[in-house]
Amino acid sequence: MKRVVCWVFLVALWLGNSMFGYGLEGAGKEYVKIVCRGDAWSLSVAGNPLYIKGVGGANRLEVASACGANAFRTWGGDVESIRRSLEKAGAAHMYLMQGIALPKDPDRYVDNDFKRKKLEEVRLLAETFKDDPALFAWGIGNEIDLDKANIPESWSFVEELAKEIKKVDHNHLVATVISHKPKALELIARYAPSLDFVGINSYGNIFEVGKLFEDSPYRGPFIITEWGPTGWWETRKTEWGAPIEQTSEEKRIVYETRYKKAIGGNPRCLGSFVFLWGQKEERTPTWFSMFVENKVEGLPLNGEKTPMVEAMERVWTGTEPEQTAPVVGQLTINGISFGPKVKSNTGFDVEVIAADKEGDRLTYVWEVLKEATVTATGGAYEPRPDRVGKVRTTETGNVRISIDTPGYYRLYVYVLDHTGYVSTANIPFAVIE
């Protein structure tokens, strides 16, 4: 009889762990749990439901928290950088999904020396932070399914790392992050079953995420770990191949629409991390940046918020922000909004339409950069393109510019309302003889 009781207990424990999640007990009474009831998945911390309203990056967390965010995500780090991120998380009363960097080179996943060192590194991280209450999940790799690393060997190694973490750290969830690729989910379902959830990065095709998971053999929950504007790889291009970026007002509408329709309401979705809560160069300095640049020589910007920050405050809190950003409309060169060409050494007229809901005074900052030629994939580093001429500042949405050297350029306008907001637009153009 005693053996039967023990067997029943073990089966019940296994069922609880595999079907209904598990409590993650950290410092004090902190714990994390993923629960599945029917077709619906949910996340809780310390017995309280937690729907992830997250940001990508560890920047400006005080602003994120004030706007309604409760979590942030990183892509990698060593012990010291993770400790700093967790300190930021505690100060902002937010949770952290800590990334563990992995390469996209398939050769590394058959390199035993690399794998041994990575296992040692991950074991150290797990041992160091296994009881930290601000950490809610480890994210093993980011888009390793890109290039040629979407292979059984890479996902088998992700499974090794997940098991290694769980040997040491019984207090946090373990996940991976993929790009929008059905094949990655097939391989994860087969080779990495120990993962607690899957993160997915999706931009223009975000409305297809639900069906992608529904049609895959992977049956667990997911978090949309990156999302935002339409990507440079998804938009139309000029005849010389320059991608067209949305204005910040177009992005604001996109952010609000995608959050409401593609993220909220999916029973398998545990939340999302909006990209990028900071600033980076990727084809342009503004494409994915929810804040503008700061301390760039000759550019009078101080990391102001864009309308996308306004959008997230609106959807996270369900209330209207007290202050909103300027509304920027069409940007034209000589009256042309798509692929204009101008003659060298000849002045051309630039105009942008802008307004402010609160009636704040607007200032316009104009900059011309060369079109980006040193580019990367997967979010890797790109240098800021060279500036051409001087930055101009005006009190109206009009300026006249001349370029001497034929080539491909991009004109940027920053519209400041002097309340901490700035709206942006840019237009690629060609200078011909």
Foldseek 3Di string as FASTA:
>chain_A
DVVVVVVVVVVVVVCCCPAAFDWAAFPDQWTKGWGDDPQFIFIDISPHTDQALAAEDQPPLLLVLVLQGAEYEYADDAPVVVVVSLVSNVVSNHAYAYHHADDLDQVLLVPPVSLVVSLVRLLVNLQVCLRRRRYAEYEYHAASVPDPNLDLSNLLSLQVSLVSSCVRRSGHFYEYEHELDLSSLQSCLVRRVSHQEYEYADEPCLQCVLVSQVPHPDSAAYEPAEYFYHDQVRADAAPVGQGFADWLLVRLVVLLVCCVRRAPPRSRYSHYHYFHDAFADAQARPRRGQWGDDDDPQFPGHRFGEQNSQSSSCVSVVDHDPAGAKRKDAKDKQNDRAAAEAEAPDKIKIFIDIDGPVRFQKKKKKWKFARFDQHDPPPDHGDHGDTFDHIDMDSHRMDIDHHHDWHKMKMKMWIDRPPRYIIIGMYIYTYDD
